[in-house]
N, C-alpha and C. Protein backbone atom coordinates (compact mmCIF):
# COMPACT_ATOMS: atom_id res chain seq x y z
N MET A 1 105.05 100.50 96.53
CA MET A 1 104.84 101.84 97.05
C MET A 1 104.61 102.83 95.93
N GLY A 2 105.32 102.65 94.87
CA GLY A 2 105.14 103.54 93.73
C GLY A 2 103.72 103.49 93.20
N TYR A 3 103.16 102.31 93.15
CA TYR A 3 101.79 102.19 92.66
C TYR A 3 100.80 102.85 93.62
N ALA A 4 101.04 102.73 94.92
CA ALA A 4 100.17 103.36 95.91
C ALA A 4 100.20 104.89 95.74
N LEU A 5 101.37 105.44 95.45
CA LEU A 5 101.47 106.88 95.21
C LEU A 5 100.78 107.27 93.90
N TYR A 6 100.87 106.41 92.91
CA TYR A 6 100.16 106.65 91.65
C TYR A 6 98.65 106.69 91.90
N VAL A 7 98.15 105.76 92.69
CA VAL A 7 96.72 105.74 93.03
C VAL A 7 96.34 107.05 93.73
N ALA A 8 97.19 107.54 94.64
CA ALA A 8 96.93 108.81 95.32
C ALA A 8 96.87 109.97 94.33
N GLN A 9 97.75 109.95 93.34
CA GLN A 9 97.74 111.01 92.32
C GLN A 9 96.45 110.99 91.52
N ARG A 10 95.84 109.84 91.41
CA ARG A 10 94.58 109.68 90.66
C ARG A 10 93.37 109.82 91.59
N ALA A 11 93.59 110.41 92.79
CA ALA A 11 92.54 110.68 93.78
C ALA A 11 91.95 109.42 94.40
N GLY A 12 92.76 108.37 94.49
CA GLY A 12 92.31 107.13 95.11
C GLY A 12 93.10 106.85 96.38
N LYS A 13 92.78 105.71 96.98
CA LYS A 13 93.49 105.28 98.19
C LYS A 13 93.79 103.79 98.05
N HIS A 14 95.05 103.46 97.98
CA HIS A 14 95.52 102.08 97.85
C HIS A 14 95.18 101.29 99.12
N ARG A 15 94.98 100.01 99.01
CA ARG A 15 94.60 99.17 100.16
C ARG A 15 95.66 99.12 101.26
N ASP A 16 96.92 99.39 100.93
CA ASP A 16 98.00 99.38 101.93
C ASP A 16 98.21 100.75 102.58
N THR A 17 97.30 101.69 102.34
CA THR A 17 97.43 103.05 102.86
C THR A 17 96.54 103.23 104.07
N LYS A 18 97.07 103.94 105.06
CA LYS A 18 96.26 104.28 106.24
C LYS A 18 96.61 105.69 106.69
N THR A 19 95.70 106.29 107.44
CA THR A 19 95.91 107.63 107.97
C THR A 19 96.98 107.57 109.06
N LEU A 20 97.90 108.51 109.01
CA LEU A 20 98.94 108.60 110.03
C LEU A 20 98.40 109.44 111.18
N SER A 21 98.29 108.85 112.35
CA SER A 21 97.69 109.56 113.48
C SER A 21 98.61 110.68 113.98
N GLY A 22 97.97 111.68 114.58
CA GLY A 22 98.73 112.79 115.14
C GLY A 22 98.89 113.97 114.20
N PHE A 23 98.25 113.92 113.04
CA PHE A 23 98.39 115.00 112.07
C PHE A 23 97.06 115.64 111.71
N GLY A 24 96.06 115.48 112.56
CA GLY A 24 94.81 116.20 112.40
C GLY A 24 93.96 115.80 111.21
N GLY A 25 93.64 114.56 111.09
CA GLY A 25 92.71 114.13 110.04
C GLY A 25 93.34 113.24 109.01
N ALA A 26 92.64 113.11 107.89
CA ALA A 26 93.03 112.15 106.86
C ALA A 26 93.95 112.75 105.81
N GLY A 27 94.51 113.91 106.04
CA GLY A 27 95.35 114.54 105.03
C GLY A 27 96.77 114.01 104.95
N VAL A 28 97.24 113.31 105.99
CA VAL A 28 98.58 112.73 105.99
C VAL A 28 98.41 111.22 106.09
N LEU A 29 98.96 110.52 105.10
CA LEU A 29 98.77 109.07 105.01
C LEU A 29 100.11 108.37 104.92
N GLU A 30 100.09 107.08 105.23
CA GLU A 30 101.31 106.29 105.10
C GLU A 30 101.00 104.97 104.40
N VAL A 31 101.97 104.56 103.61
CA VAL A 31 101.91 103.26 102.94
C VAL A 31 102.94 102.39 103.64
N ILE A 32 102.54 101.21 104.03
CA ILE A 32 103.45 100.29 104.71
C ILE A 32 103.53 99.02 103.87
N ARG A 33 104.75 98.62 103.54
CA ARG A 33 104.96 97.41 102.73
C ARG A 33 106.08 96.59 103.34
N ASP A 34 105.87 95.29 103.34
CA ASP A 34 106.90 94.35 103.75
C ASP A 34 107.58 93.80 102.50
N PHE A 35 108.91 93.68 102.59
CA PHE A 35 109.68 93.15 101.46
C PHE A 35 110.86 92.39 102.01
N ARG A 36 110.90 91.10 101.73
CA ARG A 36 112.01 90.24 102.14
C ARG A 36 112.36 90.37 103.62
N GLY A 37 111.33 90.38 104.46
CA GLY A 37 111.54 90.42 105.89
C GLY A 37 111.72 91.79 106.50
N ASP A 38 111.77 92.83 105.68
CA ASP A 38 111.90 94.20 106.18
C ASP A 38 110.59 94.95 105.92
N THR A 39 110.36 96.00 106.69
CA THR A 39 109.16 96.82 106.53
C THR A 39 109.58 98.22 106.11
N PHE A 40 108.89 98.75 105.12
CA PHE A 40 109.18 100.07 104.58
C PHE A 40 107.93 100.94 104.69
N ARG A 41 108.14 102.24 104.90
CA ARG A 41 107.05 103.20 105.02
C ARG A 41 107.31 104.40 104.12
N ALA A 42 106.25 104.90 103.54
CA ALA A 42 106.29 106.17 102.82
C ALA A 42 105.13 107.00 103.35
N VAL A 43 105.41 108.23 103.72
CA VAL A 43 104.39 109.13 104.27
C VAL A 43 104.18 110.25 103.26
N TYR A 44 102.92 110.52 102.96
CA TYR A 44 102.61 111.57 102.00
C TYR A 44 101.36 112.32 102.42
N THR A 45 101.15 113.48 101.78
CA THR A 45 99.96 114.26 102.07
C THR A 45 99.20 114.58 100.79
N VAL A 46 97.88 114.62 100.94
CA VAL A 46 97.00 115.02 99.85
C VAL A 46 96.19 116.24 100.27
N ARG A 47 96.70 116.99 101.22
CA ARG A 47 96.00 118.18 101.74
C ARG A 47 95.90 119.31 100.73
N PHE A 48 96.75 119.32 99.76
CA PHE A 48 96.85 120.46 98.85
C PHE A 48 96.34 120.08 97.46
N ALA A 49 95.50 120.92 96.91
CA ALA A 49 94.87 120.64 95.62
C ALA A 49 95.90 120.45 94.52
N GLY A 50 95.71 119.41 93.73
CA GLY A 50 96.54 119.20 92.55
C GLY A 50 97.92 118.63 92.79
N ALA A 51 98.21 118.19 94.02
CA ALA A 51 99.56 117.68 94.29
C ALA A 51 99.54 116.62 95.38
N VAL A 52 100.47 115.69 95.25
CA VAL A 52 100.75 114.72 96.31
C VAL A 52 102.19 114.98 96.73
N TYR A 53 102.39 115.34 97.98
CA TYR A 53 103.73 115.60 98.49
C TYR A 53 104.19 114.41 99.32
N VAL A 54 105.28 113.77 98.91
CA VAL A 54 105.87 112.70 99.70
C VAL A 54 106.73 113.38 100.76
N LEU A 55 106.40 113.13 102.02
CA LEU A 55 107.05 113.82 103.13
C LEU A 55 108.22 113.03 103.72
N HIS A 56 108.15 111.71 103.63
CA HIS A 56 109.20 110.90 104.24
C HIS A 56 109.09 109.46 103.74
N ALA A 57 110.20 108.80 103.60
CA ALA A 57 110.23 107.37 103.27
C ALA A 57 111.37 106.75 104.07
N CYS A 58 111.12 105.57 104.64
CA CYS A 58 112.15 104.96 105.47
C CYS A 58 111.92 103.47 105.60
N GLN A 59 112.95 102.80 106.09
CA GLN A 59 112.84 101.40 106.47
C GLN A 59 112.58 101.38 107.97
N LYS A 60 111.59 100.61 108.39
CA LYS A 60 111.29 100.50 109.82
C LYS A 60 112.39 99.69 110.47
N LYS A 61 113.04 100.27 111.45
CA LYS A 61 114.18 99.62 112.10
C LYS A 61 113.80 98.89 113.38
N SER A 62 112.86 99.43 114.12
CA SER A 62 112.51 98.87 115.42
C SER A 62 111.90 97.49 115.27
N LYS A 63 112.33 96.60 116.07
CA LYS A 63 111.78 95.24 116.07
C LYS A 63 110.61 95.12 117.03
N ALA A 64 110.50 96.08 117.96
CA ALA A 64 109.41 96.05 118.94
C ALA A 64 108.57 97.31 118.79
N GLY A 65 107.28 97.16 118.75
CA GLY A 65 106.39 98.31 118.66
C GLY A 65 106.16 98.77 117.24
N ARG A 66 105.05 99.47 117.06
CA ARG A 66 104.67 99.93 115.72
C ARG A 66 104.73 101.45 115.61
N GLU A 67 104.98 102.12 116.73
CA GLU A 67 104.96 103.57 116.76
C GLU A 67 106.07 104.16 115.91
N THR A 68 105.73 105.22 115.19
CA THR A 68 106.73 105.93 114.37
C THR A 68 107.66 106.68 115.32
N PRO A 69 108.98 106.54 115.15
CA PRO A 69 109.93 107.21 116.04
C PRO A 69 109.73 108.73 116.04
N ARG A 70 109.96 109.35 117.19
CA ARG A 70 109.77 110.79 117.37
C ARG A 70 110.57 111.61 116.35
N ARG A 71 111.79 111.19 116.06
CA ARG A 71 112.63 111.90 115.10
C ARG A 71 111.96 111.93 113.72
N ASP A 72 111.38 110.79 113.32
CA ASP A 72 110.69 110.74 112.03
C ASP A 72 109.44 111.60 112.03
N VAL A 73 108.69 111.61 113.14
CA VAL A 73 107.48 112.43 113.23
C VAL A 73 107.83 113.91 113.11
N GLU A 74 108.89 114.34 113.79
CA GLU A 74 109.30 115.75 113.70
C GLU A 74 109.74 116.11 112.28
N LEU A 75 110.43 115.21 111.62
CA LEU A 75 110.84 115.44 110.24
C LEU A 75 109.62 115.55 109.32
N ILE A 76 108.64 114.71 109.54
CA ILE A 76 107.40 114.76 108.75
C ILE A 76 106.68 116.09 108.99
N ARG A 77 106.60 116.53 110.25
CA ARG A 77 105.96 117.83 110.56
C ARG A 77 106.67 118.98 109.85
N GLN A 78 108.00 118.97 109.89
CA GLN A 78 108.79 120.02 109.24
C GLN A 78 108.52 120.02 107.73
N ARG A 79 108.52 118.86 107.12
CA ARG A 79 108.29 118.78 105.68
C ARG A 79 106.86 119.13 105.31
N LEU A 80 105.90 118.84 106.20
CA LEU A 80 104.52 119.22 105.96
C LEU A 80 104.38 120.75 105.96
N ARG A 81 105.06 121.41 106.89
CA ARG A 81 105.05 122.89 106.90
C ARG A 81 105.66 123.44 105.61
N GLU A 82 106.73 122.83 105.15
CA GLU A 82 107.37 123.26 103.89
C GLU A 82 106.44 123.03 102.70
N ALA A 83 105.75 121.90 102.67
CA ALA A 83 104.79 121.63 101.59
C ALA A 83 103.67 122.65 101.61
N ASP A 84 103.22 123.03 102.80
CA ASP A 84 102.18 124.06 102.93
C ASP A 84 102.67 125.38 102.36
N ARG A 85 103.90 125.75 102.67
CA ARG A 85 104.47 126.99 102.16
C ARG A 85 104.55 126.96 100.63
N ILE A 86 105.02 125.86 100.09
CA ILE A 86 105.15 125.71 98.63
C ILE A 86 103.77 125.78 97.98
N ALA A 87 102.80 125.12 98.57
CA ALA A 87 101.44 125.11 98.00
C ALA A 87 100.84 126.52 98.00
N ARG A 88 101.03 127.27 99.08
CA ARG A 88 100.52 128.64 99.14
C ARG A 88 101.19 129.52 98.11
N GLU A 89 102.51 129.36 97.92
CA GLU A 89 103.23 130.16 96.93
C GLU A 89 102.78 129.83 95.51
N SER A 90 102.48 128.58 95.25
CA SER A 90 102.08 128.19 93.89
C SER A 90 100.66 128.66 93.56
N GLU A 91 99.85 128.99 94.60
CA GLU A 91 98.51 129.51 94.36
C GLU A 91 98.53 130.95 93.86
N ARG A 92 99.59 131.64 94.14
CA ARG A 92 99.69 133.07 93.76
C ARG A 92 99.87 133.25 92.30
């Protein structure tokens, strides 16, 4: 996952990265990796110039279904709003 974030910092897209649906375009992405039988996710955004904001990282707990839990989606939305605020302030 660290390497995938490094690739994002270098304006690239790692092969394990995909767009996270429900966030209006390709600005919010997730990296999904399996490790020793568990699945891990990191969600980040590249919407803001000069920065990659990691919005959430977690271990996938559900054994059925691939959908991101509602609680995690709301947390990602909240952190995306905060990243937007920080990015606007740093432009000043």
